[in-house]
Amino acid sequence: MEEEERFDLGHTVKKIFVIGIAAGLIFIGFIALMTLIGIVIAIPLLKKAYRMMTSNGDESCAHEKHKIKCPICKAKAKFYGDKIE
């Protein structure tokens, strides 16, 4: 006496739903991990850039027309009002 296999649509849909939710959570976790790594890399770089832009250093800048303070006065662009040289 052989039993027939029956296809259970409800059970298959549940499995597909669970697999979809798991894949979505893994994808969201991956994006969160990449964002965290990006933030960890960006914070020291932003701190360094801020220090470079705002520090007076040992040598002071004699040009008062700069909008951005340069640490050693080796700016490639000087700002005079609306003109850039």
PDB file of N, CA and C in Angstrom:
ATOM      1  N   MET A   1       0.834  -1.169   0.000  1.00  0.00           N
ATOM      2  CA  MET A   1       0.000   0.000   0.000  1.00  0.00           C
ATOM      3  C   MET A   1       0.886   1.242   0.000  1.00  0.00           C
ATOM      4  N   GLU A   2       0.864   1.830  -1.109  1.00  0.00           N
ATOM      5  CA  GLU A   2       1.715   2.988  -1.332  1.00  0.00           C
ATOM      6  C   GLU A   2       0.919   4.269  -1.114  1.00  0.00           C
ATOM      7  N   GLU A   3       1.522   5.184  -0.333  1.00  0.00           N
ATOM      8  CA  GLU A   3       0.844   6.461  -0.073  1.00  0.00           C
ATOM      9  C   GLU A   3       1.245   7.472  -1.128  1.00  0.00           C
ATOM     10  N   GLU A   4       0.319   8.272  -1.531  1.00  0.00           N
ATOM     11  CA  GLU A   4       0.601   9.329  -2.495  1.00  0.00           C
ATOM     12  C   GLU A   4       1.167  10.537  -1.767  1.00  0.00           C
ATOM     13  N   GLU A   5       2.180  11.169  -2.390  1.00  0.00           N
ATOM     14  CA  GLU A   5       2.719  12.401  -1.822  1.00  0.00           C
ATOM     15  C   GLU A   5       1.831  13.551  -2.258  1.00  0.00           C
ATOM     16  N   ARG A   6       1.481  14.355  -1.292  1.00  0.00           N
ATOM     17  CA  ARG A   6       0.632  15.496  -1.597  1.00  0.00           C
ATOM     18  C   ARG A   6       1.438  16.774  -1.472  1.00  0.00           C
ATOM     19  N   PHE A   7       1.203  17.668  -2.372  1.00  0.00           N
ATOM     20  CA  PHE A   7       1.884  18.956  -2.368  1.00  0.00           C
ATOM     21  C   PHE A   7       1.101  19.906  -1.465  1.00  0.00           C
ATOM     22  N   ASP A   8       1.767  20.393  -0.433  1.00  0.00           N
ATOM     23  CA  ASP A   8       1.125  21.297   0.518  1.00  0.00           C
ATOM     24  C   ASP A   8       1.552  22.725   0.194  1.00  0.00           C
ATOM     25  N   LEU A   9       0.668  23.457  -0.425  1.00  0.00           N
ATOM     26  CA  LEU A   9       0.976  24.821  -0.852  1.00  0.00           C
ATOM     27  C   LEU A   9       1.224  25.737   0.340  1.00  0.00           C
ATOM     28  N   GLY A  10       0.483  25.608   1.402  1.00  0.00           N
ATOM     29  CA  GLY A  10       0.641  26.459   2.585  1.00  0.00           C
ATOM     30  C   GLY A  10       2.017  26.277   3.223  1.00  0.00           C
ATOM     31  N   HIS A  11       2.460  25.041   3.325  1.00  0.00           N
ATOM     32  CA  HIS A  11       3.772  24.765   3.916  1.00  0.00           C
ATOM     33  C   HIS A  11       4.892  25.341   3.037  1.00  0.00           C
ATOM     34  N   THR A  12       4.770  25.228   1.730  1.00  0.00           N
ATOM     35  CA  THR A  12       5.772  25.756   0.800  1.00  0.00           C
ATOM     36  C   THR A  12       5.821  27.268   0.865  1.00  0.00           C
ATOM     37  N   VAL A  13       4.677  27.915   0.948  1.00  0.00           N
ATOM     38  CA  VAL A  13       4.643  29.374   1.033  1.00  0.00           C
ATOM     39  C   VAL A  13       5.280  29.839   2.340  1.00  0.00           C
ATOM     40  N   LYS A  14       5.044  29.128   3.428  1.00  0.00           N
ATOM     41  CA  LYS A  14       5.667  29.468   4.715  1.00  0.00           C
ATOM     42  C   LYS A  14       7.184  29.372   4.618  1.00  0.00           C
ATOM     43  N   LYS A  15       7.685  28.302   3.989  1.00  0.00           N
ATOM     44  CA  LYS A  15       9.131  28.147   3.843  1.00  0.00           C
ATOM     45  C   LYS A  15       9.725  29.273   2.995  1.00  0.00           C
ATOM     46  N   ILE A  16       9.073  29.606   1.902  1.00  0.00           N
ATOM     47  CA  ILE A  16       9.554  30.693   1.038  1.00  0.00           C
ATOM     48  C   ILE A  16       9.546  32.013   1.798  1.00  0.00           C
ATOM     49  N   PHE A  17       8.517  32.247   2.585  1.00  0.00           N
ATOM     50  CA  PHE A  17       8.418  33.474   3.373  1.00  0.00           C
ATOM     51  C   PHE A  17       9.547  33.558   4.395  1.00  0.00           C
ATOM     52  N   VAL A  18       9.811  32.466   5.110  1.00  0.00           N
ATOM     53  CA  VAL A  18      10.879  32.442   6.122  1.00  0.00           C
ATOM     54  C   VAL A  18      12.242  32.638   5.464  1.00  0.00           C
ATOM     55  N   ILE A  19      12.467  32.006   4.328  1.00  0.00           N
ATOM     56  CA  ILE A  19      13.737  32.163   3.616  1.00  0.00           C
ATOM     57  C   ILE A  19      13.897  33.610   3.136  1.00  0.00           C
ATOM     58  N   GLY A  20      12.828  34.205   2.657  1.00  0.00           N
ATOM     59  CA  GLY A  20      12.874  35.603   2.212  1.00  0.00           C
ATOM     60  C   GLY A  20      13.186  36.558   3.357  1.00  0.00           C
ATOM     61  N   ILE A  21      12.541  36.343   4.501  1.00  0.00           N
ATOM     62  CA  ILE A  21      12.803  37.185   5.676  1.00  0.00           C
ATOM     63  C   ILE A  21      14.256  37.021   6.123  1.00  0.00           C
ATOM     64  N   ALA A  22      14.767  35.797   6.147  1.00  0.00           N
ATOM     65  CA  ALA A  22      16.157  35.548   6.554  1.00  0.00           C
ATOM     66  C   ALA A  22      17.132  36.230   5.590  1.00  0.00           C
ATOM     67  N   ALA A  23      16.887  36.123   4.298  1.00  0.00           N
ATOM     68  CA  ALA A  23      17.762  36.757   3.312  1.00  0.00           C
ATOM     69  C   ALA A  23      17.722  38.280   3.458  1.00  0.00           C
ATOM     70  N   GLY A  24      16.545  38.831   3.711  1.00  0.00           N
ATOM     71  CA  GLY A  24      16.426  40.272   3.914  1.00  0.00           C
ATOM     72  C   GLY A  24      17.183  40.745   5.147  1.00  0.00           C
ATOM     73  N   LEU A  25      17.086  39.988   6.240  1.00  0.00           N
ATOM     74  CA  LEU A  25      17.814  40.357   7.454  1.00  0.00           C
ATOM     75  C   LEU A  25      19.322  40.263   7.260  1.00  0.00           C
ATOM     76  N   ILE A  26      19.768  39.260   6.532  1.00  0.00           N
ATOM     77  CA  ILE A  26      21.205  39.134   6.250  1.00  0.00           C
ATOM     78  C   ILE A  26      21.673  40.320   5.403  1.00  0.00           C
ATOM     79  N   PHE A  27      20.882  40.722   4.416  1.00  0.00           N
ATOM     80  CA  PHE A  27      21.232  41.859   3.564  1.00  0.00           C
ATOM     81  C   PHE A  27      21.282  43.155   4.373  1.00  0.00           C
ATOM     82  N   ILE A  28      20.304  43.361   5.250  1.00  0.00           N
ATOM     83  CA  ILE A  28      20.289  44.562   6.096  1.00  0.00           C
ATOM     84  C   ILE A  28      21.487  44.549   7.048  1.00  0.00           C
ATOM     85  N   GLY A  29      21.820  43.392   7.585  1.00  0.00           N
ATOM     86  CA  GLY A  29      22.995  43.277   8.448  1.00  0.00           C
ATOM     87  C   GLY A  29      24.280  43.601   7.704  1.00  0.00           C
ATOM     88  N   PHE A  30      24.399  43.155   6.460  1.00  0.00           N
ATOM     89  CA  PHE A  30      25.577  43.447   5.648  1.00  0.00           C
ATOM     90  C   PHE A  30      25.698  44.946   5.392  1.00  0.00           C
ATOM     91  N   ILE A  31      24.595  45.594   5.060  1.00  0.00           N
ATOM     92  CA  ILE A  31      24.615  47.048   4.834  1.00  0.00           C
ATOM     93  C   ILE A  31      24.992  47.776   6.122  1.00  0.00           C
ATOM     94  N   ALA A  32      24.462  47.339   7.251  1.00  0.00           N
ATOM     95  CA  ALA A  32      24.798  47.968   8.533  1.00  0.00           C
ATOM     96  C   ALA A  32      26.279  47.786   8.854  1.00  0.00           C
ATOM     97  N   LEU A  33      26.830  46.621   8.567  1.00  0.00           N
ATOM     98  CA  LEU A  33      28.249  46.364   8.818  1.00  0.00           C
ATOM     99  C   LEU A  33      29.119  47.262   7.943  1.00  0.00           C
ATOM    100  N   MET A  34      28.784  47.399   6.677  1.00  0.00           N
ATOM    101  CA  MET A  34      29.554  48.269   5.785  1.00  0.00           C
ATOM    102  C   MET A  34      29.457  49.733   6.223  1.00  0.00           C
ATOM    103  N   THR A  35      28.289  50.149   6.705  1.00  0.00           N
ATOM    104  CA  THR A  35      28.127  51.509   7.198  1.00  0.00           C
ATOM    105  C   THR A  35      28.987  51.733   8.433  1.00  0.00           C
ATOM    106  N   LEU A  36      28.994  50.774   9.333  1.00  0.00           N
ATOM    107  CA  LEU A  36      29.806  50.879  10.543  1.00  0.00           C
ATOM    108  C   LEU A  36      31.292  50.964  10.206  1.00  0.00           C
ATOM    109  N   ILE A  37      31.749  50.133   9.278  1.00  0.00           N
ATOM    110  CA  ILE A  37      33.151  50.172   8.860  1.00  0.00           C
ATOM    111  C   ILE A  37      33.470  51.531   8.231  1.00  0.00           C
ATOM    112  N   GLY A  38      32.569  52.058   7.420  1.00  0.00           N
ATOM    113  CA  GLY A  38      32.775  53.368   6.810  1.00  0.00           C
ATOM    114  C   GLY A  38      32.870  54.475   7.840  1.00  0.00           C
ATOM    115  N   ILE A  39      32.044  54.414   8.868  1.00  0.00           N
ATOM    116  CA  ILE A  39      32.079  55.428   9.924  1.00  0.00           C
ATOM    117  C   ILE A  39      33.373  55.331  10.709  1.00  0.00           C
ATOM    118  N   VAL A  40      33.803  54.106  11.009  1.00  0.00           N
ATOM    119  CA  VAL A  40      35.049  53.923  11.757  1.00  0.00           C
ATOM    120  C   VAL A  40      36.237  54.475  10.965  1.00  0.00           C
ATOM    121  N   ILE A  41      36.212  54.332   9.657  1.00  0.00           N
ATOM    122  CA  ILE A  41      37.291  54.860   8.825  1.00  0.00           C
ATOM    123  C   ILE A  41      37.178  56.376   8.679  1.00  0.00           C
ATOM    124  N   ALA A  42      35.959  56.895   8.569  1.00  0.00           N
ATOM    125  CA  ALA A  42      35.767  58.321   8.286  1.00  0.00           C
ATOM    126  C   ALA A  42      36.041  59.226   9.482  1.00  0.00           C
ATOM    127  N   ILE A  43      35.744  58.797  10.694  1.00  0.00           N
ATOM    128  CA  ILE A  43      35.891  59.674  11.859  1.00  0.00           C
ATOM    129  C   ILE A  43      37.333  60.139  12.044  1.00  0.00           C
ATOM    130  N   PRO A  44      38.344  59.261  12.030  1.00  0.00           N
ATOM    131  CA  PRO A  44      39.719  59.769  12.170  1.00  0.00           C
ATOM    132  C   PRO A  44      40.131  60.695  11.028  1.00  0.00           C
ATOM    133  N   LEU A  45      39.665  60.400   9.819  1.00  0.00           N
ATOM    134  CA  LEU A  45      40.008  61.266   8.697  1.00  0.00           C
ATOM    135  C   LEU A  45      39.378  62.648   8.851  1.00  0.00           C
ATOM    136  N   LEU A  46      38.130  62.691   9.324  1.00  0.00           N
ATOM    137  CA  LEU A  46      37.483  63.980   9.540  1.00  0.00           C
ATOM    138  C   LEU A  46      38.166  64.762  10.653  1.00  0.00           C
ATOM    139  N   LYS A  47      38.597  64.078  11.717  1.00  0.00           N
ATOM    140  CA  LYS A  47      39.312  64.754  12.798  1.00  0.00           C
ATOM    141  C   LYS A  47      40.628  65.331  12.295  1.00  0.00           C
ATOM    142  N   LYS A  48      41.341  64.561  11.491  1.00  0.00           N
ATOM    143  CA  LYS A  48      42.609  65.031  10.946  1.00  0.00           C
ATOM    144  C   LYS A  48      42.395  66.235  10.035  1.00  0.00           C
ATOM    145  N   ALA A  49      41.388  66.177   9.190  1.00  0.00           N
ATOM    146  CA  ALA A  49      41.096  67.300   8.293  1.00  0.00           C
ATOM    147  C   ALA A  49      40.692  68.535   9.086  1.00  0.00           C
ATOM    148  N   TYR A  50      39.914  68.356  10.133  1.00  0.00           N
ATOM    149  CA  TYR A  50      39.503  69.492  10.960  1.00  0.00           C
ATOM    150  C   TYR A  50      40.715  70.133  11.624  1.00  0.00           C
ATOM    151  N   ARG A  51      41.623  69.291  12.155  1.00  0.00           N
ATOM    152  CA  ARG A  51      42.833  69.833  12.781  1.00  0.00           C
ATOM    153  C   ARG A  51      43.695  70.569  11.766  1.00  0.00           C
ATOM    154  N   MET A  52      43.781  70.040  10.542  1.00  0.00           N
ATOM    155  CA  MET A  52      44.587  70.705   9.514  1.00  0.00           C
ATOM    156  C   MET A  52      43.985  72.051   9.120  1.00  0.00           C
ATOM    157  N   MET A  53      42.672  72.136   9.108  1.00  0.00           N
ATOM    158  CA  MET A  53      42.014  73.374   8.678  1.00  0.00           C
ATOM    159  C   MET A  53      41.979  74.431   9.772  1.00  0.00           C
ATOM    160  N   THR A  54      41.989  74.025  11.023  1.00  0.00           N
ATOM    161  CA  THR A  54      41.811  75.000  12.101  1.00  0.00           C
ATOM    162  C   THR A  54      43.052  75.242  12.931  1.00  0.00           C
ATOM    163  N   SER A  55      44.095  74.438  12.791  1.00  0.00           N
ATOM    164  CA  SER A  55      45.258  74.626  13.658  1.00  0.00           C
ATOM    165  C   SER A  55      46.095  75.804  13.193  1.00  0.00           C
ATOM    166  N   ASN A  56      46.667  76.488  14.144  1.00  0.00           N
ATOM    167  CA  ASN A  56      47.569  77.588  13.824  1.00  0.00           C
ATOM    168  C   ASN A  56      48.995  77.074  13.676  1.00  0.00           C
ATOM    169  N   GLY A  57      49.327  75.993  14.335  1.00  0.00           N
ATOM    170  CA  GLY A  57      50.645  75.393  14.217  1.00  0.00           C
ATOM    171  C   GLY A  57      51.721  76.287  14.795  1.00  0.00           C
ATOM    172  N   ASP A  58      52.963  75.929  14.535  1.00  0.00           N
ATOM    173  CA  ASP A  58      54.086  76.725  15.019  1.00  0.00           C
ATOM    174  C   ASP A  58      54.265  77.982  14.182  1.00  0.00           C
ATOM    175  N   GLU A  59      54.051  77.872  12.888  1.00  0.00           N
ATOM    176  CA  GLU A  59      54.195  79.015  11.992  1.00  0.00           C
ATOM    177  C   GLU A  59      52.821  79.629  11.772  1.00  0.00           C
ATOM    178  N   SER A  60      52.712  80.923  11.977  1.00  0.00           N
ATOM    179  CA  SER A  60      51.410  81.562  11.796  1.00  0.00           C
ATOM    180  C   SER A  60      51.275  82.071  10.367  1.00  0.00           C
ATOM    181  N   CYS A  61      50.107  82.157   9.922  1.00  0.00           N
ATOM    182  CA  CYS A  61      49.815  82.587   8.565  1.00  0.00           C
ATOM    183  C   CYS A  61      49.756  84.112   8.522  1.00  0.00           C
ATOM    184  N   ALA A  62      50.492  84.728   7.598  1.00  0.00           N
ATOM    185  CA  ALA A  62      50.528  86.179   7.510  1.00  0.00           C
ATOM    186  C   ALA A  62      49.400  86.718   6.631  1.00  0.00           C
ATOM    187  N   HIS A  63      48.789  85.880   5.838  1.00  0.00           N
ATOM    188  CA  HIS A  63      47.726  86.325   4.939  1.00  0.00           C
ATOM    189  C   HIS A  63      46.393  86.295   5.668  1.00  0.00           C
ATOM    190  N   GLU A  64      45.821  87.433   5.901  1.00  0.00           N
ATOM    191  CA  GLU A  64      44.562  87.511   6.636  1.00  0.00           C
ATOM    192  C   GLU A  64      43.356  87.412   5.711  1.00  0.00           C
ATOM    193  N   LYS A  65      43.576  87.367   4.407  1.00  0.00           N
ATOM    194  CA  LYS A  65      42.446  87.336   3.487  1.00  0.00           C
ATOM    195  C   LYS A  65      41.967  85.919   3.184  1.00  0.00           C
ATOM    196  N   HIS A  66      42.586  84.923   3.770  1.00  0.00           N
ATOM    197  CA  HIS A  66      42.138  83.542   3.575  1.00  0.00           C
ATOM    198  C   HIS A  66      40.825  83.335   4.323  1.00  0.00           C
ATOM    199  N   LYS A  67      39.924  82.608   3.700  1.00  0.00           N
ATOM    200  CA  LYS A  67      38.708  82.205   4.410  1.00  0.00           C
ATOM    201  C   LYS A  67      38.983  80.957   5.242  1.00  0.00           C
ATOM    202  N   ILE A  68      39.990  80.183   4.842  1.00  0.00           N
ATOM    203  CA  ILE A  68      40.358  78.967   5.550  1.00  0.00           C
ATOM    204  C   ILE A  68      41.751  79.173   6.124  1.00  0.00           C
ATOM    205  N   LYS A  69      41.938  78.901   7.394  1.00  0.00           N
ATOM    206  CA  LYS A  69      43.256  79.033   7.998  1.00  0.00           C
ATOM    207  C   LYS A  69      44.135  77.890   7.521  1.00  0.00           C
ATOM    208  N   CYS A  70      45.310  78.235   7.046  1.00  0.00           N
ATOM    209  CA  CYS A  70      46.221  77.191   6.587  1.00  0.00           C
ATOM    210  C   CYS A  70      47.289  76.952   7.650  1.00  0.00           C
ATOM    211  N   PRO A  71      47.676  75.710   7.902  1.00  0.00           N
ATOM    212  CA  PRO A  71      48.612  75.427   8.987  1.00  0.00           C
ATOM    213  C   PRO A  71      50.013  75.968   8.727  1.00  0.00           C
ATOM    214  N   ILE A  72      50.514  75.910   7.499  1.00  0.00           N
ATOM    215  CA  ILE A  72      51.881  76.350   7.231  1.00  0.00           C
ATOM    216  C   ILE A  72      51.888  77.382   6.097  1.00  0.00           C
ATOM    217  N   CYS A  73      50.755  77.883   5.732  1.00  0.00           N
ATOM    218  CA  CYS A  73      50.606  78.910   4.690  1.00  0.00           C
ATOM    219  C   CYS A  73      51.089  78.413   3.335  1.00  0.00           C
ATOM    220  N   LYS A  74      50.732  77.204   2.970  1.00  0.00           N
ATOM    221  CA  LYS A  74      51.066  76.669   1.657  1.00  0.00           C
ATOM    222  C   LYS A  74      49.782  76.344   0.904  1.00  0.00           C
ATOM    223  N   ALA A  75      48.846  77.264   0.948  1.00  0.00           N
ATOM    224  CA  ALA A  75      47.565  77.037   0.293  1.00  0.00           C
ATOM    225  C   ALA A  75      47.737  77.167  -1.216  1.00  0.00           C
ATOM    226  N   LYS A  76      47.092  76.298  -1.958  1.00  0.00           N
ATOM    227  CA  LYS A  76      47.173  76.353  -3.408  1.00  0.00           C
ATOM    228  C   LYS A  76      46.175  77.355  -3.977  1.00  0.00           C
ATOM    229  N   ALA A  77      45.152  77.692  -3.220  1.00  0.00           N
ATOM    230  CA  ALA A  77      44.164  78.668  -3.657  1.00  0.00           C
ATOM    231  C   ALA A  77      43.997  79.704  -2.554  1.00  0.00           C
ATOM    232  N   LYS A  78      44.036  80.964  -2.932  1.00  0.00           N
ATOM    233  CA  LYS A  78      43.835  82.035  -1.971  1.00  0.00           C
ATOM    234  C   LYS A  78      42.508  82.702  -2.292  1.00  0.00           C
ATOM    235  N   PHE A  79      41.737  83.009  -1.278  1.00  0.00           N
ATOM    236  CA  PHE A  79      40.411  83.555  -1.447  1.00  0.00           C
ATOM    237  C   PHE A  79      40.430  85.027  -1.087  1.00  0.00           C
ATOM    238  N   TYR A  80      40.071  85.871  -2.026  1.00  0.00           N
ATOM    239  CA  TYR A  80      39.941  87.308  -1.812  1.00  0.00           C
ATOM    240  C   TYR A  80      38.525  87.709  -2.199  1.00  0.00           C
ATOM    241  N   GLY A  81      37.629  87.705  -1.269  1.00  0.00           N
ATOM    242  CA  GLY A  81      36.249  88.058  -1.558  1.00  0.00           C
ATOM    243  C   GLY A  81      35.623  87.049  -2.489  1.00  0.00           C
ATOM    244  N   ASP A  82      35.242  87.492  -3.696  1.00  0.00           N
ATOM    245  CA  ASP A  82      34.614  86.606  -4.672  1.00  0.00           C
ATOM    246  C   ASP A  82      35.620  85.976  -5.640  1.00  0.00           C
ATOM    247  N   LYS A  83      36.852  86.465  -5.647  1.00  0.00           N
ATOM    248  CA  LYS A  83      37.860  85.963  -6.572  1.00  0.00           C
ATOM    249  C   LYS A  83      38.646  84.819  -5.931  1.00  0.00           C
ATOM    250  N   ILE A  84      39.056  83.881  -6.766  1.00  0.00           N
ATOM    251  CA  ILE A  84      39.937  82.794  -6.332  1.00  0.00           C
ATOM    252  C   ILE A  84      41.181  82.868  -7.181  1.00  0.00           C
ATOM    253  N   GLU A  85      42.333  82.945  -6.530  1.00  0.00           N
ATOM    254  CA  GLU A  85      43.603  82.976  -7.276  1.00  0.00           C
ATOM    255  C   GLU A  85      44.343  81.682  -7.083  1.00  0.00           C
TER     256      GLU A  85
END
